[in-house]
Amino acid sequence: MPRVLLIEDDPSVRAGVGLGLRRRGHEVAAAETGEAGLALMGGFHPELVLLDLMLPGINGVQVCRRIRETSQVPIIMLTARGDDFDIVVGLEAGADDYIVKPARTEVIEARIKAVLRRLGAPAGGRPQVEFHGDLAVDRAGLTVARGGERIALAPSELKLLLHLSASPEQVFSRQQLLEYVWEHSYHADARLVDACVRRLRHKIEDPDGAPRYIQTVRGFGYRFGPL
């Protein structure tokens, strides 16, 4: 089972979630502050981070950004509020998913499995490396480069790009992308898709001008170019 770093300041939540995950076979390291969680990153080498949004000192968004500077480990935000603004800020910072507290351990475990399933094996029969303009997508090696320079993508960003680029010019609704990439079947999480697209565009598109690779189909969803 994957190693989980839990960064949560509420001692009852920290104890309950940690105990529940350990009973399911996870190795869990827990921290009550963002600073302590960041200090554990190097020695513990987590395979997934559960990160509380509201932390004393360095808050969850700041911690997420700090992690993303050096690591693409999957991050699931924990928030006590379903506030749209807080959730979107967390997603924009690089989180791959979120859970509104309180949540049963079964729900947390299901989300962990869903996030870790996103980087599955490439479809058979496809070329190992596909070239879309100056964008190179290596489906076997799960890497992306533009102009020969490797681009670091978070798991949800990579899964989204792999899915869109597998069917150039096909239009996917937000709900279709939500169900495939995040394995969520309810409409309230469509903001996951929009936030991930914005992060992905920031990394693969030109900073000036209209998006070249991921194009918005107004009123429906997105499709992959390139133009």
Protein backbone atom coordinates (compact mmCIF):
# COMPACT_ATOMS: atom_id res chain seq x y z
CA MET A 1 0.00 0.00 0.00
CA PRO A 2 1.27 3.50 -0.78
CA ARG A 3 2.97 5.62 1.84
CA VAL A 4 0.79 8.57 2.85
CA LEU A 5 1.91 11.86 4.37
CA LEU A 6 -0.97 13.36 6.38
CA ILE A 7 -0.66 17.08 7.18
CA GLU A 8 -3.55 18.00 9.47
CA ASP A 9 -3.64 20.29 12.51
CA ASP A 10 -6.80 18.86 14.11
CA PRO A 11 -5.52 16.14 16.48
CA SER A 12 -8.75 14.11 16.37
CA VAL A 13 -8.84 14.10 12.56
CA ARG A 14 -5.12 13.37 12.38
CA ALA A 15 -5.46 10.44 14.76
CA GLY A 16 -8.65 9.06 13.19
CA VAL A 17 -7.54 9.27 9.57
CA GLY A 18 -4.06 8.00 10.39
CA LEU A 19 -5.41 5.01 12.31
CA GLY A 20 -7.92 4.17 9.58
CA LEU A 21 -5.29 4.25 6.83
CA ARG A 22 -2.80 2.21 8.86
CA ARG A 23 -5.47 -0.46 9.41
CA ARG A 24 -5.77 -0.68 5.64
CA GLY A 25 -2.07 -1.30 5.26
CA HIS A 26 -0.72 2.18 4.56
CA GLU A 27 2.46 3.48 6.09
CA VAL A 28 1.46 6.90 7.41
CA ALA A 29 3.56 9.82 8.58
CA ALA A 30 1.58 12.62 10.23
CA ALA A 31 2.38 16.29 10.80
CA GLU A 32 0.34 18.99 12.50
CA THR A 33 1.81 21.99 10.67
CA GLY A 34 2.83 22.80 7.12
CA GLU A 35 6.43 23.34 8.19
CA ALA A 36 6.57 19.91 9.84
CA GLY A 37 4.98 18.28 6.80
CA LEU A 38 7.51 19.82 4.42
CA ALA A 39 10.33 18.65 6.68
CA LEU A 40 9.02 15.05 6.38
CA MET A 41 8.85 15.09 2.58
CA GLY A 42 12.51 14.30 1.96
CA GLY A 43 13.01 11.52 4.49
CA PHE A 44 9.62 9.81 4.25
CA HIS A 45 9.23 9.98 0.43
CA PRO A 46 5.41 9.76 0.41
CA GLU A 47 3.54 8.35 -2.56
CA LEU A 48 0.55 10.56 -1.77
CA VAL A 49 -0.06 13.63 0.42
CA LEU A 50 -3.29 14.35 2.32
CA LEU A 51 -3.10 18.07 3.00
CA ASP A 52 -5.42 20.13 5.18
CA LEU A 53 -6.32 23.44 3.56
CA MET A 54 -6.56 25.44 6.81
CA LEU A 55 -3.27 25.08 8.66
CA PRO A 56 -1.64 27.38 11.20
CA GLY A 57 1.45 29.19 9.98
CA ILE A 58 2.04 28.09 6.40
CA ASN A 59 -1.43 27.24 5.10
CA GLY A 60 -2.31 24.30 2.86
CA VAL A 61 -2.17 26.29 -0.37
CA GLN A 62 1.35 27.51 0.43
CA VAL A 63 2.44 24.00 1.36
CA CYS A 64 1.01 22.66 -1.91
CA ARG A 65 2.95 25.23 -3.91
CA ARG A 66 6.15 24.44 -2.02
CA ILE A 67 5.73 20.71 -2.70
CA ARG A 68 5.10 21.36 -6.39
CA GLU A 69 8.41 23.19 -6.66
CA THR A 70 10.27 19.91 -6.25
CA SER A 71 7.79 17.04 -6.49
CA GLN A 72 4.86 15.81 -8.57
CA VAL A 73 3.56 13.50 -5.83
CA PRO A 74 -0.27 13.27 -5.88
CA ILE A 75 -1.89 15.71 -3.45
CA ILE A 76 -5.44 15.50 -2.07
CA MET A 77 -6.67 18.58 -0.23
CA LEU A 78 -8.74 18.19 2.95
CA THR A 79 -11.11 21.06 3.60
CA ALA A 80 -13.65 21.58 6.37
CA ARG A 81 -15.65 23.84 4.09
CA GLY A 82 -17.14 23.26 0.67
CA ASP A 83 -16.33 26.85 -0.24
CA ASP A 84 -15.80 27.11 -3.99
CA PHE A 85 -13.14 29.79 -3.72
CA ASP A 86 -10.99 27.87 -1.24
CA ILE A 87 -11.26 24.68 -3.26
CA VAL A 88 -10.39 26.34 -6.57
CA VAL A 89 -7.38 28.10 -5.00
CA GLY A 90 -6.15 24.72 -3.75
CA LEU A 91 -6.59 23.13 -7.15
CA GLU A 92 -4.84 26.02 -8.87
CA ALA A 93 -1.91 25.56 -6.49
CA GLY A 94 -1.42 22.04 -7.85
CA ALA A 95 -3.69 19.72 -5.85
CA ASP A 96 -5.04 16.73 -7.76
CA ASP A 97 -8.31 16.30 -5.85
CA TYR A 98 -10.09 17.39 -2.69
CA ILE A 99 -12.23 15.92 0.07
CA VAL A 100 -14.65 17.88 2.25
CA LYS A 101 -14.39 16.96 5.94
CA PRO A 102 -15.68 15.13 7.81
CA ALA A 103 -15.15 12.10 5.59
CA ARG A 104 -15.17 8.40 6.42
CA THR A 105 -11.94 6.49 6.00
CA GLU A 106 -13.61 4.44 3.26
CA VAL A 107 -14.19 7.60 1.24
CA ILE A 108 -10.61 8.78 1.74
CA GLU A 109 -9.27 5.37 0.76
CA ALA A 110 -11.42 5.34 -2.39
CA ARG A 111 -10.13 8.77 -3.41
CA ILE A 112 -6.53 7.68 -2.80
CA LYS A 113 -7.02 4.63 -5.02
CA ALA A 114 -8.68 6.74 -7.70
CA VAL A 115 -5.84 9.26 -7.77
CA LEU A 116 -3.19 6.54 -7.95
CA ARG A 117 -5.07 4.66 -10.71
CA ARG A 118 -4.95 7.67 -13.00
CA LEU A 119 -1.52 6.85 -14.38
CA GLY A 120 -2.41 3.53 -15.95
CA ALA A 121 -0.63 1.69 -18.75
CA PRO A 122 -0.81 3.24 -22.23
CA ALA A 123 -3.28 1.81 -24.72
CA GLY A 124 -1.84 -1.03 -26.82
CA GLY A 125 -0.88 -0.45 -30.41
CA ARG A 126 -0.10 3.25 -30.05
CA PRO A 127 3.33 4.70 -30.88
CA GLN A 128 5.62 5.03 -27.90
CA VAL A 129 6.18 8.73 -28.59
CA GLU A 130 3.63 10.94 -30.34
CA PHE A 131 4.52 14.34 -31.77
CA HIS A 132 1.95 17.12 -31.88
CA GLY A 133 3.72 20.12 -33.34
CA ASP A 134 6.66 20.70 -30.98
CA LEU A 135 4.95 18.77 -28.17
CA ALA A 136 6.24 15.21 -27.64
CA VAL A 137 4.05 12.84 -25.61
CA ASP A 138 5.73 9.61 -24.49
CA ARG A 139 2.89 7.29 -23.51
CA ALA A 140 5.14 4.44 -22.43
CA GLY A 141 7.52 6.56 -20.40
CA LEU A 142 4.73 8.88 -19.19
CA THR A 143 6.73 11.99 -20.01
CA VAL A 144 5.99 15.16 -21.96
CA ALA A 145 8.46 17.51 -23.62
CA ARG A 146 8.13 20.66 -25.66
CA GLY A 147 10.93 21.75 -27.96
CA GLY A 148 13.04 18.97 -26.45
CA GLU A 149 12.62 20.29 -22.90
CA ARG A 150 10.96 17.99 -20.36
CA ILE A 151 7.82 19.38 -18.69
CA ALA A 152 6.97 18.37 -15.12
CA LEU A 153 3.26 17.54 -14.86
CA ALA A 154 1.21 16.55 -11.84
CA PRO A 155 -0.62 13.19 -12.17
CA SER A 156 -4.00 14.72 -13.01
CA GLU A 157 -2.41 17.06 -15.57
CA LEU A 158 -0.62 14.18 -17.27
CA LYS A 159 -3.69 11.94 -17.29
CA LEU A 160 -5.78 14.76 -18.78
CA LEU A 161 -3.22 15.45 -21.50
CA LEU A 162 -2.86 11.75 -22.34
CA HIS A 163 -6.62 11.40 -22.66
CA LEU A 164 -7.16 14.50 -24.79
CA SER A 165 -4.17 13.89 -27.06
CA ALA A 166 -5.21 10.28 -27.69
CA SER A 167 -8.15 11.60 -29.74
CA PRO A 168 -7.12 14.85 -31.46
CA GLU A 169 -10.01 17.07 -32.52
CA GLN A 170 -12.55 15.04 -30.52
CA VAL A 171 -14.57 17.23 -28.17
CA PHE A 172 -14.91 15.99 -24.59
CA SER A 173 -17.42 17.44 -22.17
CA ARG A 174 -16.29 18.42 -18.70
CA GLN A 175 -18.35 15.58 -17.30
CA GLN A 176 -16.66 13.03 -19.59
CA LEU A 177 -13.23 14.27 -18.52
CA LEU A 178 -14.29 14.30 -14.88
CA GLU A 179 -15.41 10.69 -15.04
CA TYR A 180 -12.32 9.48 -16.91
CA VAL A 181 -9.53 11.44 -15.24
CA TRP A 182 -10.91 11.85 -11.71
CA GLU A 183 -13.34 8.92 -11.67
CA HIS A 184 -16.02 11.19 -10.20
CA SER A 185 -19.55 10.81 -11.49
CA TYR A 186 -21.20 13.89 -10.01
CA HIS A 187 -21.43 17.30 -11.65
CA ALA A 188 -20.36 19.46 -8.71
CA ASP A 189 -16.70 18.73 -9.36
CA ALA A 190 -16.51 20.16 -12.90
CA ARG A 191 -14.20 22.84 -11.45
CA LEU A 192 -11.56 20.11 -11.13
CA VAL A 193 -11.43 19.97 -14.92
CA ASP A 194 -11.23 23.74 -15.46
CA ALA A 195 -8.53 24.19 -12.82
CA CYS A 196 -6.46 21.36 -14.26
CA VAL A 197 -6.79 22.74 -17.80
CA ARG A 198 -5.57 26.14 -16.63
CA ARG A 199 -2.53 24.59 -14.94
CA LEU A 200 -1.79 22.44 -17.97
CA ARG A 201 -2.07 25.34 -20.38
CA HIS A 202 0.33 27.34 -18.23
CA LYS A 203 2.91 24.60 -18.69
CA ILE A 204 2.52 23.61 -22.36
CA GLU A 205 1.09 26.66 -24.13
CA ASP A 206 2.74 29.89 -25.25
CA PRO A 207 2.28 32.57 -22.58
CA ASP A 208 0.93 34.96 -25.23
CA GLY A 209 -1.86 34.30 -27.66
CA ALA A 210 -4.72 31.82 -27.86
CA PRO A 211 -4.26 28.25 -26.61
CA ARG A 212 -2.73 26.10 -29.30
CA TYR A 213 -3.05 22.61 -27.87
CA ILE A 214 -6.03 22.56 -25.51
CA GLN A 215 -8.92 24.47 -27.01
CA THR A 216 -12.16 25.41 -25.30
CA VAL A 217 -15.39 24.49 -27.03
CA ARG A 218 -17.70 27.07 -25.55
CA GLY A 219 -20.69 25.65 -23.73
CA PHE A 220 -19.43 22.07 -23.94
CA GLY A 221 -15.85 21.27 -22.98
CA TYR A 222 -12.39 20.86 -24.47
CA ARG A 223 -10.55 19.32 -27.40
CA PHE A 224 -6.91 18.77 -28.28
CA GLY A 225 -5.30 20.58 -31.26
CA PRO A 226 -2.72 21.52 -32.21
CA LEU A 227 -3.92 24.43 -34.32
